Amino acid sequence: MLVKFRAALAGVLYCLRTQINMVIHLAAMVAVIGAGWYFQVQPWEWVALTITITLVLAAEAFNTAVEVTINLYTGKYHPLARIAKDVAAGAVLITALGAVAVAYFIFGPRLGL
């Protein structure tokens, strides 16, 4: 069990070391958590924020896994490899836009938006 946890942690650390977008998402997470504490959001709002943050981070990790796997098996440009990478990146975009929407619904009224 500990070996599997270490492998998972190694994957997260790989993402943090190699993917600037993961670092950006983590910075956004810290900002959202800080805003949540500052505005004293309700428990159900914490749940919504936690779910959306988790989805974005997981999508970024899956995107990285797809990119690394495709790079391993594809030594040259292939249109299907490009499509797979674009779709994985699109999944990150979808989750990030959803997270922005949730943040808007929660923080917008508190900011007078």
Protein backbone atom coordinates (compact mmCIF):
# COMPACT_ATOMS: atom_id res chain seq x y z
CA MET A 1 0.00 0.00 0.00
CA LEU A 2 2.79 2.42 0.89
CA VAL A 3 4.52 1.67 -2.42
CA LYS A 4 1.36 2.62 -4.33
CA PHE A 5 0.99 5.82 -2.33
CA ARG A 6 4.61 6.73 -3.07
CA ALA A 7 4.04 6.09 -6.78
CA ALA A 8 0.96 8.31 -6.75
CA LEU A 9 2.85 11.04 -4.91
CA ALA A 10 5.67 10.74 -7.45
CA GLY A 11 3.11 11.33 -10.20
CA VAL A 12 1.78 14.45 -8.51
CA LEU A 13 5.31 15.75 -7.96
CA TYR A 14 6.16 15.06 -11.62
CA CYS A 15 3.18 17.18 -12.65
CA LEU A 16 4.27 19.98 -10.35
CA ARG A 17 7.87 19.89 -11.63
CA THR A 18 7.06 19.70 -15.33
CA GLN A 19 3.65 21.30 -15.90
CA ILE A 20 3.38 25.04 -15.40
CA ASN A 21 -0.39 24.78 -15.69
CA MET A 22 -0.48 22.53 -12.62
CA VAL A 23 1.41 25.18 -10.68
CA ILE A 24 -1.04 27.83 -11.93
CA HIS A 25 -3.99 25.67 -10.87
CA LEU A 26 -2.45 25.20 -7.42
CA ALA A 27 -1.93 28.95 -7.07
CA ALA A 28 -5.58 29.48 -8.01
CA MET A 29 -6.55 26.85 -5.43
CA VAL A 30 -4.66 28.72 -2.71
CA ALA A 31 -6.34 31.99 -3.75
CA VAL A 32 -9.79 30.38 -3.70
CA ILE A 33 -9.20 28.81 -0.29
CA GLY A 34 -8.03 32.18 1.02
CA ALA A 35 -11.09 33.90 -0.43
CA GLY A 36 -13.31 31.22 1.08
CA TRP A 37 -11.89 31.83 4.53
CA TYR A 38 -12.03 35.60 4.10
CA PHE A 39 -15.67 35.58 2.97
CA GLN A 40 -16.63 32.80 5.42
CA VAL A 41 -18.34 30.68 2.78
CA GLN A 42 -20.98 28.19 3.87
CA PRO A 43 -20.19 24.45 4.21
CA TRP A 44 -22.08 23.57 1.01
CA GLU A 45 -20.03 26.21 -0.82
CA TRP A 46 -16.82 24.59 0.49
CA VAL A 47 -18.08 21.30 -0.93
CA ALA A 48 -18.67 22.87 -4.35
CA LEU A 49 -15.25 24.56 -4.30
CA THR A 50 -13.51 21.37 -3.19
CA ILE A 51 -15.15 19.29 -5.91
CA THR A 52 -14.32 21.76 -8.66
CA ILE A 53 -10.73 22.24 -7.49
CA THR A 54 -10.26 18.48 -7.33
CA LEU A 55 -11.70 18.02 -10.81
CA VAL A 56 -9.37 20.62 -12.31
CA LEU A 57 -6.27 19.16 -10.66
CA ALA A 58 -7.24 15.61 -11.64
CA ALA A 59 -7.96 16.69 -15.23
CA GLU A 60 -4.54 18.33 -15.43
CA ALA A 61 -2.92 15.15 -14.12
CA PHE A 62 -4.80 13.01 -16.67
CA ASN A 63 -3.80 15.45 -19.40
CA THR A 64 -0.16 15.07 -18.40
CA ALA A 65 -0.48 11.28 -18.40
CA VAL A 66 -2.00 11.33 -21.89
CA GLU A 67 0.72 13.64 -23.22
CA VAL A 68 3.56 11.59 -21.72
CA THR A 69 2.09 8.32 -22.99
CA ILE A 70 1.62 9.68 -26.50
CA ASN A 71 5.15 11.08 -26.52
CA LEU A 72 6.45 7.67 -25.45
CA TYR A 73 4.76 5.83 -28.31
CA THR A 74 4.91 8.47 -31.03
CA GLY A 75 8.34 9.46 -32.23
CA LYS A 76 6.99 11.85 -34.83
CA TYR A 77 3.95 14.00 -35.51
CA HIS A 78 0.72 12.12 -36.07
CA PRO A 79 -2.68 13.78 -36.48
CA LEU A 80 -4.36 11.29 -34.13
CA ALA A 81 -1.75 11.97 -31.46
CA ARG A 82 -2.46 15.69 -31.82
CA ILE A 83 -6.20 15.06 -31.50
CA ALA A 84 -5.72 12.96 -28.36
CA LYS A 85 -3.58 15.67 -26.78
CA ASP A 86 -6.05 18.38 -27.77
CA VAL A 87 -8.99 16.44 -26.35
CA ALA A 88 -7.15 15.89 -23.06
CA ALA A 89 -6.32 19.60 -22.90
CA GLY A 90 -9.94 20.37 -23.72
CA ALA A 91 -11.03 18.34 -20.71
CA VAL A 92 -8.85 20.56 -18.53
CA LEU A 93 -10.40 23.64 -20.12
CA ILE A 94 -13.92 22.34 -19.47
CA THR A 95 -13.21 21.67 -15.79
CA ALA A 96 -11.43 25.01 -15.37
CA LEU A 97 -14.36 26.90 -16.90
CA GLY A 98 -16.71 25.01 -14.59
CA ALA A 99 -14.55 25.97 -11.63
CA VAL A 100 -14.63 29.62 -12.70
CA ALA A 101 -18.43 29.44 -12.93
CA VAL A 102 -18.70 27.94 -9.44
CA ALA A 103 -16.34 30.59 -8.07
CA TYR A 104 -18.43 33.30 -9.74
CA PHE A 105 -21.65 31.99 -8.21
CA ILE A 106 -20.07 31.80 -4.76
CA PHE A 107 -17.88 34.91 -4.71
CA GLY A 108 -19.65 37.13 -7.25
CA PRO A 109 -22.41 38.32 -4.90
CA ARG A 110 -19.86 38.91 -2.15
CA LEU A 111 -17.84 41.06 -4.54
CA GLY A 112 -20.87 42.92 -5.84
CA LEU A 113 -20.75 41.24 -9.26
